[in-house]
Amino acid sequence: MNKLLKASEEHYGVSAQALSQPEPSKEEQTEFSVILVGAGSHKDDVVKQVREITGLGASEAANIVEGAPRTIIEGQSREDAQKLVKKITDAGGKAEIS
């Protein structure tokens, strides 16, 4: 059996030990975006939250809300992104993290 394993390793250019090692885990995502999916029935409240989150004026924020689904902010930590999604959902809108 050992000869067969050694011959296979030489033929295919891999080692059995390398095959038995777990694959390195992918890098964990550290930056997240908040995506406004929809405004729901409380569009004005959602526009206010988008203004607060982005620092945009009323008309720019309204354009984002009307154009949903749209990314409203990027580069946030998971915790901050979750807080922003909660603000939007509390205002009656629907948002998600990506």
Protein backbone atom coordinates (compact mmCIF):
# COMPACT_ATOMS: atom_id res chain seq x y z
CA MET A 1 0.00 0.00 0.00
CA ASN A 2 2.82 2.36 0.89
CA LYS A 3 4.46 1.79 -2.52
CA LEU A 4 1.19 2.53 -4.28
CA LEU A 5 0.75 5.74 -2.30
CA LYS A 6 4.31 6.83 -3.00
CA ALA A 7 3.92 6.05 -6.72
CA SER A 8 0.68 8.04 -6.86
CA GLU A 9 2.30 10.99 -5.10
CA GLU A 10 5.18 11.00 -7.58
CA HIS A 11 2.94 10.53 -10.61
CA TYR A 12 0.43 13.26 -9.74
CA GLY A 13 2.85 15.59 -8.00
CA VAL A 14 0.87 15.82 -4.78
CA SER A 15 1.34 14.41 -1.33
CA ALA A 16 -1.24 12.48 0.60
CA GLN A 17 -0.47 14.64 3.61
CA ALA A 18 -1.33 17.80 1.68
CA LEU A 19 -4.62 16.26 0.63
CA SER A 20 -5.49 15.43 4.22
CA GLN A 21 -4.90 18.99 5.45
CA PRO A 22 -8.00 21.17 5.71
CA GLU A 23 -8.28 23.95 3.19
CA PRO A 24 -7.36 27.35 4.61
CA SER A 25 -10.48 29.28 5.50
CA LYS A 26 -11.50 32.15 3.32
CA GLU A 27 -10.86 35.61 4.62
CA GLU A 28 -13.76 36.78 6.73
CA GLN A 29 -15.63 39.80 5.41
CA THR A 30 -14.98 42.86 7.57
CA GLU A 31 -16.69 45.63 5.61
CA PHE A 32 -20.37 45.63 4.77
CA SER A 33 -22.81 47.69 2.74
CA VAL A 34 -26.35 48.63 3.70
CA ILE A 35 -28.82 48.24 0.87
CA LEU A 36 -32.23 49.89 0.97
CA VAL A 37 -34.61 47.32 -0.49
CA GLY A 38 -37.81 49.36 -0.21
CA ALA A 39 -39.44 52.24 1.61
CA GLY A 40 -42.66 50.56 2.64
CA SER A 41 -45.63 52.73 3.50
CA HIS A 42 -43.62 55.27 5.53
CA LYS A 43 -41.56 56.80 2.77
CA ASP A 44 -41.05 60.15 4.52
CA ASP A 45 -39.66 58.47 7.65
CA VAL A 46 -37.31 56.34 5.55
CA VAL A 47 -36.12 59.45 3.66
CA LYS A 48 -35.29 61.06 7.03
CA GLN A 49 -33.24 58.03 8.05
CA VAL A 50 -31.41 57.94 4.71
CA ARG A 51 -30.60 61.64 5.14
CA GLU A 52 -29.28 61.01 8.63
CA ILE A 53 -27.19 58.02 7.55
CA THR A 54 -25.73 59.54 4.38
CA GLY A 55 -25.67 63.25 5.16
CA LEU A 56 -27.45 63.95 1.87
CA GLY A 57 -30.06 66.61 1.29
CA ALA A 58 -33.78 65.89 1.15
CA SER A 59 -34.07 65.56 -2.63
CA GLU A 60 -30.99 63.31 -2.95
CA ALA A 61 -32.23 61.08 -0.12
CA ALA A 62 -35.69 60.95 -1.69
CA ASN A 63 -34.13 59.89 -5.02
CA ILE A 64 -32.32 57.03 -3.28
CA VAL A 65 -35.52 55.90 -1.55
CA GLU A 66 -37.54 56.09 -4.77
CA GLY A 67 -34.82 54.23 -6.68
CA ALA A 68 -34.67 51.30 -4.24
CA PRO A 69 -33.08 48.81 -4.19
CA ARG A 70 -29.94 50.95 -3.78
CA THR A 71 -26.81 50.84 -1.69
CA ILE A 72 -26.98 53.69 0.79
CA ILE A 73 -23.65 53.25 2.58
CA GLU A 74 -20.55 51.07 2.22
CA GLY A 75 -17.53 50.13 4.29
CA GLN A 76 -19.33 49.64 7.60
CA SER A 77 -18.50 47.16 10.33
CA ARG A 78 -21.05 44.38 10.78
CA GLU A 79 -22.26 45.96 14.03
CA ASP A 80 -22.69 49.43 12.52
CA ALA A 81 -24.41 48.02 9.44
CA GLN A 82 -26.87 46.11 11.63
CA LYS A 83 -27.65 49.30 13.58
CA LEU A 84 -28.33 51.18 10.34
CA VAL A 85 -30.59 48.41 9.03
CA LYS A 86 -32.52 48.59 12.31
CA LYS A 87 -32.96 52.36 11.93
CA ILE A 88 -34.41 51.89 8.46
CA THR A 89 -36.70 49.03 9.46
CA ASP A 90 -37.88 50.95 12.52
CA ALA A 91 -38.82 53.79 10.16
CA GLY A 92 -40.92 51.36 8.10
CA GLY A 93 -38.49 50.56 5.32
CA LYS A 94 -36.73 47.36 4.37
CA ALA A 95 -32.94 47.06 4.25
CA GLU A 96 -30.31 44.36 4.19
CA ILE A 97 -26.59 43.94 4.68
CA SER A 98 -24.30 42.72 1.94
